[in-house]
Amino acid sequence: LFNEWYARDTSKKIRAVVKAKGMSGKRLSHLPPYGYIMGDEGNWVIDEETGPVVKEIFALCLSGLGPTKIANILTARNIPTPGTINYRRYGNKQGYCPQAPCKWVYQTVSNILERVEYLGHTVNFKTRKHFKDKKSHYVPEDEWTIFENTHEPIIDQPTFDLVQKIRGNVRRYPN
């Protein structure tokens, strides 16, 4: 019982510090998203290698292709996946597959198409961890904290809105 009290108290204190940092507009993520690199003083700068790939993914979606077809095109062109880029730059093995470093999957493309960070915004508090199970739980979008125009955008607002509208109209069939 006392150990749980101590863990809960420590968890509350750490959450308070993280919340204060996030509410002040500082980024809580330690790795920049695909298309950006870490610049001076922690700023995100558009990457010359992967930034055009993000623009192309949005352009292909606007032309009517779905995430699976876009993933197949990127795989055919041998473009490294976000997991491969993170492994090469930071040594992070999450999402890296040494057998197929350029094998894109539709979930990766979908995640890129949904990220608000490509508009130049900082988004904090997308997930929340519980002190007992230590797993991240996604939070509804209305609870996110968004700070606009904190870095250079890759995608403009009308393009992003149009892609979200196209993806919102997709008919998904149940299993």
C-alpha atoms as a PDB file:
ATOM      1  CA  LEU A   1       0.000   0.000   0.000  1.00  0.00           C
ATOM      2  CA  PHE A   2       2.767   2.443   0.903  1.00  0.00           C
ATOM      3  CA  ASN A   3       4.668   1.574  -2.267  1.00  0.00           C
ATOM      4  CA  GLU A   4       1.589   2.382  -4.352  1.00  0.00           C
ATOM      5  CA  TRP A   5       1.188   5.695  -2.574  1.00  0.00           C
ATOM      6  CA  TYR A   6       4.794   6.574  -3.312  1.00  0.00           C
ATOM      7  CA  ALA A   7       4.468   5.547  -6.971  1.00  0.00           C
ATOM      8  CA  ARG A   8       1.237   7.524  -7.363  1.00  0.00           C
ATOM      9  CA  ASP A   9       2.762  10.604  -5.686  1.00  0.00           C
ATOM     10  CA  THR A  10       5.871  10.447  -7.879  1.00  0.00           C
ATOM     11  CA  SER A  11       3.699   9.965 -10.949  1.00  0.00           C
ATOM     12  CA  LYS A  12       1.645  13.061 -10.083  1.00  0.00           C
ATOM     13  CA  LYS A  13       4.782  15.171  -9.647  1.00  0.00           C
ATOM     14  CA  ILE A  14       6.301  14.048 -12.940  1.00  0.00           C
ATOM     15  CA  ARG A  15       3.010  14.593 -14.751  1.00  0.00           C
ATOM     16  CA  ALA A  16       2.813  18.127 -13.334  1.00  0.00           C
ATOM     17  CA  VAL A  17       6.310  18.952 -14.639  1.00  0.00           C
ATOM     18  CA  VAL A  18       5.557  17.482 -18.087  1.00  0.00           C
ATOM     19  CA  LYS A  19       2.202  19.292 -18.207  1.00  0.00           C
ATOM     20  CA  ALA A  20       3.861  22.628 -17.366  1.00  0.00           C
ATOM     21  CA  LYS A  21       6.486  22.074 -20.060  1.00  0.00           C
ATOM     22  CA  GLY A  22       3.866  21.107 -22.646  1.00  0.00           C
ATOM     23  CA  MET A  23       1.567  24.006 -21.816  1.00  0.00           C
ATOM     24  CA  SER A  24       4.434  26.465 -22.240  1.00  0.00           C
ATOM     25  CA  GLY A  25       4.707  25.470 -25.926  1.00  0.00           C
ATOM     26  CA  LYS A  26       7.805  23.291 -25.766  1.00  0.00           C
ATOM     27  CA  ARG A  27       7.761  20.017 -27.668  1.00  0.00           C
ATOM     28  CA  LEU A  28       7.377  16.893 -25.608  1.00  0.00           C
ATOM     29  CA  SER A  29       8.507  14.506 -28.348  1.00  0.00           C
ATOM     30  CA  HIS A  30      12.196  13.707 -28.519  1.00  0.00           C
ATOM     31  CA  LEU A  31      12.292  12.707 -32.216  1.00  0.00           C
ATOM     32  CA  PRO A  32      11.093  14.896 -35.079  1.00  0.00           C
ATOM     33  CA  PRO A  33       8.511  13.392 -37.441  1.00  0.00           C
ATOM     34  CA  TYR A  34       9.450  11.999 -40.858  1.00  0.00           C
ATOM     35  CA  GLY A  35      10.315  14.940 -43.104  1.00  0.00           C
ATOM     36  CA  TYR A  36      12.052  16.983 -40.403  1.00  0.00           C
ATOM     37  CA  ILE A  37      15.442  16.953 -38.712  1.00  0.00           C
ATOM     38  CA  MET A  38      16.476  18.472 -35.407  1.00  0.00           C
ATOM     39  CA  GLY A  39      18.069  21.862 -35.976  1.00  0.00           C
ATOM     40  CA  ASP A  40      19.805  24.304 -33.677  1.00  0.00           C
ATOM     41  CA  GLU A  41      18.300  24.835 -30.220  1.00  0.00           C
ATOM     42  CA  GLY A  42      15.798  22.012 -30.730  1.00  0.00           C
ATOM     43  CA  ASN A  43      14.021  23.545 -33.723  1.00  0.00           C
ATOM     44  CA  TRP A  44      12.647  21.285 -36.444  1.00  0.00           C
ATOM     45  CA  VAL A  45      14.002  22.010 -39.919  1.00  0.00           C
ATOM     46  CA  ILE A  46      12.709  20.495 -43.160  1.00  0.00           C
ATOM     47  CA  ASP A  47      14.953  17.622 -44.226  1.00  0.00           C
ATOM     48  CA  GLU A  48      16.167  17.769 -47.829  1.00  0.00           C
ATOM     49  CA  GLU A  49      16.052  13.970 -48.111  1.00  0.00           C
ATOM     50  CA  THR A  50      12.644  13.181 -46.625  1.00  0.00           C
ATOM     51  CA  GLY A  51      10.740  16.487 -46.873  1.00  0.00           C
ATOM     52  CA  PRO A  52       9.988  16.046 -50.591  1.00  0.00           C
ATOM     53  CA  VAL A  53       8.747  12.510 -49.881  1.00  0.00           C
ATOM     54  CA  VAL A  54       6.118  13.895 -47.498  1.00  0.00           C
ATOM     55  CA  LYS A  55       5.019  16.427 -50.135  1.00  0.00           C
ATOM     56  CA  GLU A  56       4.805  13.620 -52.679  1.00  0.00           C
ATOM     57  CA  ILE A  57       2.707  11.464 -50.343  1.00  0.00           C
ATOM     58  CA  PHE A  58       0.189  14.291 -49.973  1.00  0.00           C
ATOM     59  CA  ALA A  59       0.243  14.932 -53.749  1.00  0.00           C
ATOM     60  CA  LEU A  60      -0.391  11.266 -54.499  1.00  0.00           C
ATOM     61  CA  CYS A  61      -3.293  11.254 -52.063  1.00  0.00           C
ATOM     62  CA  LEU A  62      -4.738  14.339 -53.747  1.00  0.00           C
ATOM     63  CA  SER A  63      -4.481  12.568 -57.113  1.00  0.00           C
ATOM     64  CA  GLY A  64      -6.839   9.891 -55.770  1.00  0.00           C
ATOM     65  CA  LEU A  65      -4.509   7.131 -54.613  1.00  0.00           C
ATOM     66  CA  GLY A  66      -5.049   5.384 -51.291  1.00  0.00           C
ATOM     67  CA  PRO A  67      -2.429   4.597 -48.650  1.00  0.00           C
ATOM     68  CA  THR A  68      -1.807   1.062 -49.953  1.00  0.00           C
ATOM     69  CA  LYS A  69      -1.080   2.238 -53.501  1.00  0.00           C
ATOM     70  CA  ILE A  70       1.099   5.077 -52.212  1.00  0.00           C
ATOM     71  CA  ALA A  71       3.023   2.589 -50.054  1.00  0.00           C
ATOM     72  CA  ASN A  72       3.533   0.328 -53.077  1.00  0.00           C
ATOM     73  CA  ILE A  73       4.865   3.251 -55.147  1.00  0.00           C
ATOM     74  CA  LEU A  74       7.310   4.289 -52.412  1.00  0.00           C
ATOM     75  CA  THR A  75       8.459   0.675 -51.976  1.00  0.00           C
ATOM     76  CA  ALA A  76       9.013   0.295 -55.731  1.00  0.00           C
ATOM     77  CA  ARG A  77      11.160   3.446 -55.736  1.00  0.00           C
ATOM     78  CA  ASN A  78      13.267   2.139 -52.791  1.00  0.00           C
ATOM     79  CA  ILE A  79      12.594   5.149 -50.575  1.00  0.00           C
ATOM     80  CA  PRO A  80      13.686   4.445 -46.963  1.00  0.00           C
ATOM     81  CA  THR A  81      10.879   4.174 -44.423  1.00  0.00           C
ATOM     82  CA  PRO A  82      10.629   6.421 -41.358  1.00  0.00           C
ATOM     83  CA  GLY A  83      11.883   3.536 -39.202  1.00  0.00           C
ATOM     84  CA  THR A  84      14.953   3.150 -41.412  1.00  0.00           C
ATOM     85  CA  ILE A  85      15.688   6.884 -41.293  1.00  0.00           C
ATOM     86  CA  ASN A  86      15.364   6.949 -37.485  1.00  0.00           C
ATOM     87  CA  TYR A  87      17.671   3.946 -37.197  1.00  0.00           C
ATOM     88  CA  ARG A  88      20.316   5.519 -39.446  1.00  0.00           C
ATOM     89  CA  ARG A  89      20.230   8.896 -37.711  1.00  0.00           C
ATOM     90  CA  TYR A  90      19.495   8.143 -34.087  1.00  0.00           C
ATOM     91  CA  GLY A  91      20.018   4.390 -33.655  1.00  0.00           C
ATOM     92  CA  ASN A  92      16.344   3.937 -32.741  1.00  0.00           C
ATOM     93  CA  LYS A  93      15.299   0.393 -33.727  1.00  0.00           C
ATOM     94  CA  GLN A  94      11.574   0.961 -33.305  1.00  0.00           C
ATOM     95  CA  GLY A  95       9.915   0.494 -36.699  1.00  0.00           C
ATOM     96  CA  TYR A  96      13.168  -0.617 -38.359  1.00  0.00           C
ATOM     97  CA  CYS A  97      13.253  -3.862 -40.347  1.00  0.00           C
ATOM     98  CA  PRO A  98      16.773  -4.805 -41.512  1.00  0.00           C
ATOM     99  CA  GLN A  99      15.412  -7.345 -44.025  1.00  0.00           C
ATOM    100  CA  ALA A 100      13.289  -4.730 -45.841  1.00  0.00           C
ATOM    101  CA  PRO A 101      14.492  -1.178 -45.074  1.00  0.00           C
ATOM    102  CA  CYS A 102      12.435   0.297 -47.927  1.00  0.00           C
ATOM    103  CA  LYS A 103       9.191  -1.684 -47.463  1.00  0.00           C
ATOM    104  CA  TRP A 104       6.398   0.791 -46.805  1.00  0.00           C
ATOM    105  CA  VAL A 105       3.076  -0.253 -45.282  1.00  0.00           C
ATOM    106  CA  TYR A 106      -0.255   1.527 -45.564  1.00  0.00           C
ATOM    107  CA  GLN A 107      -0.391   2.351 -41.817  1.00  0.00           C
ATOM    108  CA  THR A 108       2.788   4.425 -42.100  1.00  0.00           C
ATOM    109  CA  VAL A 109       1.371   6.392 -45.024  1.00  0.00           C
ATOM    110  CA  SER A 110      -1.937   6.895 -43.173  1.00  0.00           C
ATOM    111  CA  ASN A 111      -0.107   8.188 -40.097  1.00  0.00           C
ATOM    112  CA  ILE A 112       1.839  10.680 -42.232  1.00  0.00           C
ATOM    113  CA  LEU A 113      -1.367  11.901 -43.902  1.00  0.00           C
ATOM    114  CA  GLU A 114      -2.997  12.522 -40.494  1.00  0.00           C
ATOM    115  CA  ARG A 115      -0.163  14.406 -38.743  1.00  0.00           C
ATOM    116  CA  VAL A 116      -0.908  18.040 -37.941  1.00  0.00           C
ATOM    117  CA  GLU A 117       2.814  18.700 -37.402  1.00  0.00           C
ATOM    118  CA  TYR A 118       3.326  19.029 -41.166  1.00  0.00           C
ATOM    119  CA  LEU A 119       1.366  22.314 -41.024  1.00  0.00           C
ATOM    120  CA  GLY A 120       4.095  23.814 -38.830  1.00  0.00           C
ATOM    121  CA  HIS A 121       2.259  23.247 -35.544  1.00  0.00           C
ATOM    122  CA  THR A 122       3.453  21.666 -32.321  1.00  0.00           C
ATOM    123  CA  VAL A 123       0.988  19.144 -30.904  1.00  0.00           C
ATOM    124  CA  ASN A 124       1.337  18.052 -27.282  1.00  0.00           C
ATOM    125  CA  PHE A 125      -0.599  15.609 -25.104  1.00  0.00           C
ATOM    126  CA  LYS A 126      -1.672  13.130 -27.801  1.00  0.00           C
ATOM    127  CA  THR A 127      -1.169  10.248 -25.367  1.00  0.00           C
ATOM    128  CA  ARG A 128      -1.316   9.676 -21.651  1.00  0.00           C
ATOM    129  CA  LYS A 129       0.455   7.023 -19.559  1.00  0.00           C
ATOM    130  CA  HIS A 130      -0.940   5.328 -16.498  1.00  0.00           C
ATOM    131  CA  PHE A 131       1.389   4.734 -13.545  1.00  0.00           C
ATOM    132  CA  LYS A 132       0.392   1.072 -13.111  1.00  0.00           C
ATOM    133  CA  ASP A 133       0.415  -0.409 -16.617  1.00  0.00           C
ATOM    134  CA  LYS A 134       2.925   2.110 -18.071  1.00  0.00           C
ATOM    135  CA  LYS A 135       1.187   1.940 -21.455  1.00  0.00           C
ATOM    136  CA  SER A 136       0.375   4.940 -23.593  1.00  0.00           C
ATOM    137  CA  HIS A 137      -3.320   5.518 -24.181  1.00  0.00           C
ATOM    138  CA  TYR A 138      -4.449   7.798 -27.001  1.00  0.00           C
ATOM    139  CA  VAL A 139      -6.368  10.901 -26.015  1.00  0.00           C
ATOM    140  CA  PRO A 140      -9.280  12.369 -28.036  1.00  0.00           C
ATOM    141  CA  GLU A 141      -8.307  15.148 -30.448  1.00  0.00           C
ATOM    142  CA  ASP A 142     -10.225  17.818 -28.541  1.00  0.00           C
ATOM    143  CA  GLU A 143      -7.870  17.306 -25.553  1.00  0.00           C
ATOM    144  CA  TRP A 144      -4.703  17.911 -27.608  1.00  0.00           C
ATOM    145  CA  THR A 145      -2.795  21.152 -27.063  1.00  0.00           C
ATOM    146  CA  ILE A 146      -1.762  22.704 -30.387  1.00  0.00           C
ATOM    147  CA  PHE A 147       0.683  25.598 -30.751  1.00  0.00           C
ATOM    148  CA  GLU A 148       0.530  27.016 -34.253  1.00  0.00           C
ATOM    149  CA  ASN A 149       3.403  28.154 -36.475  1.00  0.00           C
ATOM    150  CA  THR A 150       6.263  26.879 -34.326  1.00  0.00           C
ATOM    151  CA  HIS A 151       8.337  25.575 -37.244  1.00  0.00           C
ATOM    152  CA  GLU A 152       8.413  25.701 -41.033  1.00  0.00           C
ATOM    153  CA  PRO A 153       5.469  23.844 -42.609  1.00  0.00           C
ATOM    154  CA  ILE A 154       5.897  21.180 -45.283  1.00  0.00           C
ATOM    155  CA  ILE A 155       2.227  21.190 -46.308  1.00  0.00           C
ATOM    156  CA  ASP A 156      -0.079  24.208 -46.605  1.00  0.00           C
ATOM    157  CA  GLN A 157      -3.451  24.342 -44.834  1.00  0.00           C
ATOM    158  CA  PRO A 158      -5.732  24.000 -47.923  1.00  0.00           C
ATOM    159  CA  THR A 159      -3.846  20.896 -49.078  1.00  0.00           C
ATOM    160  CA  PHE A 160      -4.025  19.329 -45.610  1.00  0.00           C
ATOM    161  CA  ASP A 161      -7.751  20.103 -45.293  1.00  0.00           C
ATOM    162  CA  LEU A 162      -8.467  18.640 -48.732  1.00  0.00           C
ATOM    163  CA  VAL A 163      -6.559  15.444 -47.896  1.00  0.00           C
ATOM    164  CA  GLN A 164      -8.491  15.098 -44.613  1.00  0.00           C
ATOM    165  CA  LYS A 165     -11.756  15.597 -46.496  1.00  0.00           C
ATOM    166  CA  ILE A 166     -10.796  12.954 -49.080  1.00  0.00           C
ATOM    167  CA  ARG A 167      -9.726  10.517 -46.364  1.00  0.00           C
ATOM    168  CA  GLY A 168     -12.884  11.214 -44.363  1.00  0.00           C
ATOM    169  CA  ASN A 169     -15.064  10.123 -47.283  1.00  0.00           C
ATOM    170  CA  VAL A 170     -13.323   6.761 -47.671  1.00  0.00           C
ATOM    171  CA  ARG A 171     -15.705   3.866 -47.325  1.00  0.00           C
ATOM    172  CA  ARG A 172     -14.313   1.218 -45.044  1.00  0.00           C
ATOM    173  CA  TYR A 173     -15.856  -2.203 -45.019  1.00  0.00           C
ATOM    174  CA  PRO A 174     -16.104  -4.209 -41.789  1.00  0.00           C
ATOM    175  CA  ASN A 175     -14.192  -7.462 -41.479  1.00  0.00           C
END
